[in-house]
Amino acid sequence: MEFTRNIAKEIRTSIVDVVQEFLNVNYPDISITKSTAGYDGDTLDVKLQLFSSFNGETQAEADYKKYANLLRLPLEMLGARFNFGGTMFTVKGFKPKARKNDIIIAKDNGGEFVANHQSVKAAYKLHMSRDLGNLMPQEVV
């Protein structure tokens, strides 16, 4: 019997389900972030990528910290709450494989969205400059 696309997909899915169930019971701070399967005739290769959140951060938060310097993103923007397009959002992390909308942001009501990092950074800087302006002493006339 040769491996086909459907068989490879079915086996990979089953492996992911079993491993995730094992992790949930024994290692709840570890999750599967990616799974792939490649086949060639009578050989099937299944690869799992796991992420450990033992330090309390998500994969998206870890990715934000990893890529912040490269994209000139302020580290303090991660977790910051600010006005973006007339709505208050909090930056939750970064999606390194996304080409355009690569910053994960969340509304106060819990809805999660993605946006372009340049737009989010500009809105964050504008919001911060307005907040700092409110703290500046006012000239008395």
C-alpha atoms as a PDB file:
ATOM      1  CA  MET A   1       0.000   0.000   0.000  1.00  0.00           C
ATOM      2  CA  GLU A   2       1.279   3.455  -0.892  1.00  0.00           C
ATOM      3  CA  PHE A   3       0.602   6.572   1.106  1.00  0.00           C
ATOM      4  CA  THR A   4      -1.787   8.978  -0.554  1.00  0.00           C
ATOM      5  CA  ARG A   5      -2.675  12.539   0.318  1.00  0.00           C
ATOM      6  CA  ASN A   6      -5.890  11.489   2.058  1.00  0.00           C
ATOM      7  CA  ILE A   7      -4.187   8.751   4.096  1.00  0.00           C
ATOM      8  CA  ALA A   8      -1.361  11.105   5.113  1.00  0.00           C
ATOM      9  CA  LYS A   9      -3.883  13.752   6.184  1.00  0.00           C
ATOM     10  CA  GLU A  10      -5.960  11.237   8.164  1.00  0.00           C
ATOM     11  CA  ILE A  11      -2.913   9.848   9.990  1.00  0.00           C
ATOM     12  CA  ARG A  12      -1.527  13.333  10.735  1.00  0.00           C
ATOM     13  CA  THR A  13      -4.889  14.468  12.101  1.00  0.00           C
ATOM     14  CA  SER A  14      -5.135  11.388  14.329  1.00  0.00           C
ATOM     15  CA  ILE A  15      -1.588  11.873  15.637  1.00  0.00           C
ATOM     16  CA  VAL A  16      -2.278  15.551  16.409  1.00  0.00           C
ATOM     17  CA  ASP A  17      -5.496  14.631  18.265  1.00  0.00           C
ATOM     18  CA  VAL A  18      -3.799  11.940  20.383  1.00  0.00           C
ATOM     19  CA  VAL A  19      -0.736  14.050  21.185  1.00  0.00           C
ATOM     20  CA  GLN A  20      -2.845  17.120  22.042  1.00  0.00           C
ATOM     21  CA  GLU A  21      -5.026  15.035  24.361  1.00  0.00           C
ATOM     22  CA  PHE A  22      -1.883  13.684  26.054  1.00  0.00           C
ATOM     23  CA  LEU A  23      -0.477  17.204  26.418  1.00  0.00           C
ATOM     24  CA  ASN A  24      -3.749  18.549  27.834  1.00  0.00           C
ATOM     25  CA  VAL A  25      -3.703  15.919  30.584  1.00  0.00           C
ATOM     26  CA  ASN A  26       0.023  15.773  31.351  1.00  0.00           C
ATOM     27  CA  TYR A  27       1.528  19.062  30.131  1.00  0.00           C
ATOM     28  CA  PRO A  28      -1.179  21.728  29.860  1.00  0.00           C
ATOM     29  CA  ASP A  29       1.431  24.442  29.237  1.00  0.00           C
ATOM     30  CA  ILE A  30       2.542  22.793  25.972  1.00  0.00           C
ATOM     31  CA  SER A  31       0.522  23.062  22.783  1.00  0.00           C
ATOM     32  CA  ILE A  32       0.896  22.006  19.156  1.00  0.00           C
ATOM     33  CA  THR A  33       1.459  25.068  17.000  1.00  0.00           C
ATOM     34  CA  LYS A  34       2.059  23.360  13.659  1.00  0.00           C
ATOM     35  CA  SER A  35       1.820  19.920  12.100  1.00  0.00           C
ATOM     36  CA  THR A  36       2.902  18.714   8.684  1.00  0.00           C
ATOM     37  CA  ALA A  37       2.950  15.400   6.864  1.00  0.00           C
ATOM     38  CA  GLY A  38       4.990  14.441   3.837  1.00  0.00           C
ATOM     39  CA  TYR A  39       4.821  11.173   1.975  1.00  0.00           C
ATOM     40  CA  ASP A  40       6.775   9.436  -0.745  1.00  0.00           C
ATOM     41  CA  GLY A  41       5.506   6.052  -1.791  1.00  0.00           C
ATOM     42  CA  ASP A  42       5.904   3.818   1.256  1.00  0.00           C
ATOM     43  CA  THR A  43       7.288   6.487   3.620  1.00  0.00           C
ATOM     44  CA  LEU A  44       5.291   8.984   5.696  1.00  0.00           C
ATOM     45  CA  ASP A  45       6.961  11.759   7.695  1.00  0.00           C
ATOM     46  CA  VAL A  46       4.890  13.574  10.315  1.00  0.00           C
ATOM     47  CA  LYS A  47       6.326  16.632  12.017  1.00  0.00           C
ATOM     48  CA  LEU A  48       4.885  18.426  15.026  1.00  0.00           C
ATOM     49  CA  GLN A  49       5.961  21.806  16.326  1.00  0.00           C
ATOM     50  CA  LEU A  50       5.263  22.329  20.022  1.00  0.00           C
ATOM     51  CA  PHE A  51       5.245  25.523  22.044  1.00  0.00           C
ATOM     52  CA  SER A  52       5.842  25.699  25.774  1.00  0.00           C
ATOM     53  CA  SER A  53       4.110  28.474  27.681  1.00  0.00           C
ATOM     54  CA  PHE A  54       5.718  27.549  31.014  1.00  0.00           C
ATOM     55  CA  ASN A  55       6.733  31.185  31.424  1.00  0.00           C
ATOM     56  CA  GLY A  56       3.110  32.257  31.005  1.00  0.00           C
ATOM     57  CA  GLU A  57       3.328  33.788  27.539  1.00  0.00           C
ATOM     58  CA  THR A  58       1.581  32.716  24.375  1.00  0.00           C
ATOM     59  CA  GLN A  59       3.273  31.891  21.079  1.00  0.00           C
ATOM     60  CA  ALA A  60       2.051  35.233  19.685  1.00  0.00           C
ATOM     61  CA  GLU A  61       3.593  37.127  22.622  1.00  0.00           C
ATOM     62  CA  ALA A  62       6.887  35.269  22.245  1.00  0.00           C
ATOM     63  CA  ASP A  63       6.882  36.006  18.495  1.00  0.00           C
ATOM     64  CA  TYR A  64       6.222  39.701  19.159  1.00  0.00           C
ATOM     65  CA  LYS A  65       9.259  39.880  21.438  1.00  0.00           C
ATOM     66  CA  LYS A  66      11.343  37.932  18.928  1.00  0.00           C
ATOM     67  CA  TYR A  67      10.523  40.173  15.935  1.00  0.00           C
ATOM     68  CA  ALA A  68      10.028  43.544  17.678  1.00  0.00           C
ATOM     69  CA  ASN A  69      13.574  44.743  17.083  1.00  0.00           C
ATOM     70  CA  LEU A  70      13.568  43.686  13.422  1.00  0.00           C
ATOM     71  CA  LEU A  71      10.323  45.587  12.730  1.00  0.00           C
ATOM     72  CA  ARG A  72      11.150  48.460  15.096  1.00  0.00           C
ATOM     73  CA  LEU A  73       8.120  47.743  17.263  1.00  0.00           C
ATOM     74  CA  PRO A  74       8.199  49.147  20.801  1.00  0.00           C
ATOM     75  CA  LEU A  75       8.344  46.290  23.332  1.00  0.00           C
ATOM     76  CA  GLU A  76       6.031  48.277  25.599  1.00  0.00           C
ATOM     77  CA  MET A  77       3.356  48.179  22.879  1.00  0.00           C
ATOM     78  CA  LEU A  78       2.763  44.482  23.651  1.00  0.00           C
ATOM     79  CA  GLY A  79      -0.111  44.432  26.131  1.00  0.00           C
ATOM     80  CA  ALA A  80      -0.697  48.180  25.764  1.00  0.00           C
ATOM     81  CA  ARG A  81      -4.246  49.506  25.467  1.00  0.00           C
ATOM     82  CA  PHE A  82      -4.775  52.384  23.051  1.00  0.00           C
ATOM     83  CA  ASN A  83      -7.146  53.989  20.567  1.00  0.00           C
ATOM     84  CA  PHE A  84      -6.983  52.480  17.091  1.00  0.00           C
ATOM     85  CA  GLY A  85      -9.507  53.752  14.538  1.00  0.00           C
ATOM     86  CA  GLY A  86     -11.820  55.141  17.204  1.00  0.00           C
ATOM     87  CA  THR A  87     -11.892  51.920  19.262  1.00  0.00           C
ATOM     88  CA  MET A  88      -9.791  50.865  22.245  1.00  0.00           C
ATOM     89  CA  PHE A  89      -7.594  47.841  21.503  1.00  0.00           C
ATOM     90  CA  THR A  90      -4.854  45.886  23.271  1.00  0.00           C
ATOM     91  CA  VAL A  91      -1.899  44.389  21.383  1.00  0.00           C
ATOM     92  CA  LYS A  92      -1.849  40.625  21.989  1.00  0.00           C
ATOM     93  CA  GLY A  93       1.029  39.460  19.786  1.00  0.00           C
ATOM     94  CA  PHE A  94       2.595  38.960  16.389  1.00  0.00           C
ATOM     95  CA  LYS A  95       1.976  36.515  13.518  1.00  0.00           C
ATOM     96  CA  PRO A  96       5.335  36.028  11.772  1.00  0.00           C
ATOM     97  CA  LYS A  97       3.911  34.126   8.790  1.00  0.00           C
ATOM     98  CA  ALA A  98       1.324  36.796   7.976  1.00  0.00           C
ATOM     99  CA  ARG A  99       2.457  39.048   5.146  1.00  0.00           C
ATOM    100  CA  LYS A 100       0.232  42.059   5.684  1.00  0.00           C
ATOM    101  CA  ASN A 101      -1.877  41.921   8.847  1.00  0.00           C
ATOM    102  CA  ASP A 102       0.658  40.607  11.330  1.00  0.00           C
ATOM    103  CA  ILE A 103      -0.272  42.178  14.689  1.00  0.00           C
ATOM    104  CA  ILE A 104      -2.961  40.548  16.829  1.00  0.00           C
ATOM    105  CA  ILE A 105      -5.147  43.109  18.577  1.00  0.00           C
ATOM    106  CA  ALA A 106      -8.147  42.606  20.850  1.00  0.00           C
ATOM    107  CA  LYS A 107     -11.138  44.849  21.507  1.00  0.00           C
ATOM    108  CA  ASP A 108     -12.193  45.484  25.075  1.00  0.00           C
ATOM    109  CA  ASN A 109     -15.281  43.309  24.485  1.00  0.00           C
ATOM    110  CA  GLY A 110     -13.083  40.314  23.651  1.00  0.00           C
ATOM    111  CA  GLY A 111     -13.139  40.306  19.852  1.00  0.00           C
ATOM    112  CA  GLU A 112      -9.726  39.504  18.365  1.00  0.00           C
ATOM    113  CA  PHE A 113      -8.468  40.916  15.058  1.00  0.00           C
ATOM    114  CA  VAL A 114      -5.297  41.279  12.997  1.00  0.00           C
ATOM    115  CA  ALA A 115      -3.886  44.513  11.610  1.00  0.00           C
ATOM    116  CA  ASN A 116      -0.822  45.829   9.820  1.00  0.00           C
ATOM    117  CA  HIS A 117       2.058  46.459  12.246  1.00  0.00           C
ATOM    118  CA  GLN A 118       2.827  49.870  10.724  1.00  0.00           C
ATOM    119  CA  SER A 119      -0.741  51.087  11.242  1.00  0.00           C
ATOM    120  CA  VAL A 120      -0.874  49.752  14.794  1.00  0.00           C
ATOM    121  CA  LYS A 121       2.494  51.311  15.643  1.00  0.00           C
ATOM    122  CA  ALA A 122       1.377  54.700  14.245  1.00  0.00           C
ATOM    123  CA  ALA A 123      -1.881  54.580  16.237  1.00  0.00           C
ATOM    124  CA  TYR A 124       0.015  53.578  19.383  1.00  0.00           C
ATOM    125  CA  LYS A 125       2.505  56.440  19.010  1.00  0.00           C
ATOM    126  CA  LEU A 126      -0.306  58.935  18.344  1.00  0.00           C
ATOM    127  CA  HIS A 127      -2.236  57.721  21.386  1.00  0.00           C
ATOM    128  CA  MET A 128       0.868  57.890  23.583  1.00  0.00           C
ATOM    129  CA  SER A 129       1.758  61.399  22.379  1.00  0.00           C
ATOM    130  CA  ARG A 130      -1.779  62.583  23.197  1.00  0.00           C
ATOM    131  CA  ASP A 131      -1.586  60.992  26.665  1.00  0.00           C
ATOM    132  CA  LEU A 132       1.767  62.610  27.319  1.00  0.00           C
ATOM    133  CA  GLY A 133       0.370  65.938  26.092  1.00  0.00           C
ATOM    134  CA  ASN A 134      -2.357  65.724  28.712  1.00  0.00           C
ATOM    135  CA  LEU A 135       0.292  65.367  31.403  1.00  0.00           C
ATOM    136  CA  MET A 136       2.254  68.429  30.313  1.00  0.00           C
ATOM    137  CA  PRO A 137       1.796  71.605  32.364  1.00  0.00           C
ATOM    138  CA  GLN A 138      -0.623  74.026  30.773  1.00  0.00           C
ATOM    139  CA  GLU A 139       0.347  77.646  30.274  1.00  0.00           C
ATOM    140  CA  VAL A 140      -1.749  79.953  32.397  1.00  0.00           C
ATOM    141  CA  VAL A 141      -2.873  83.078  30.543  1.00  0.00           C
END
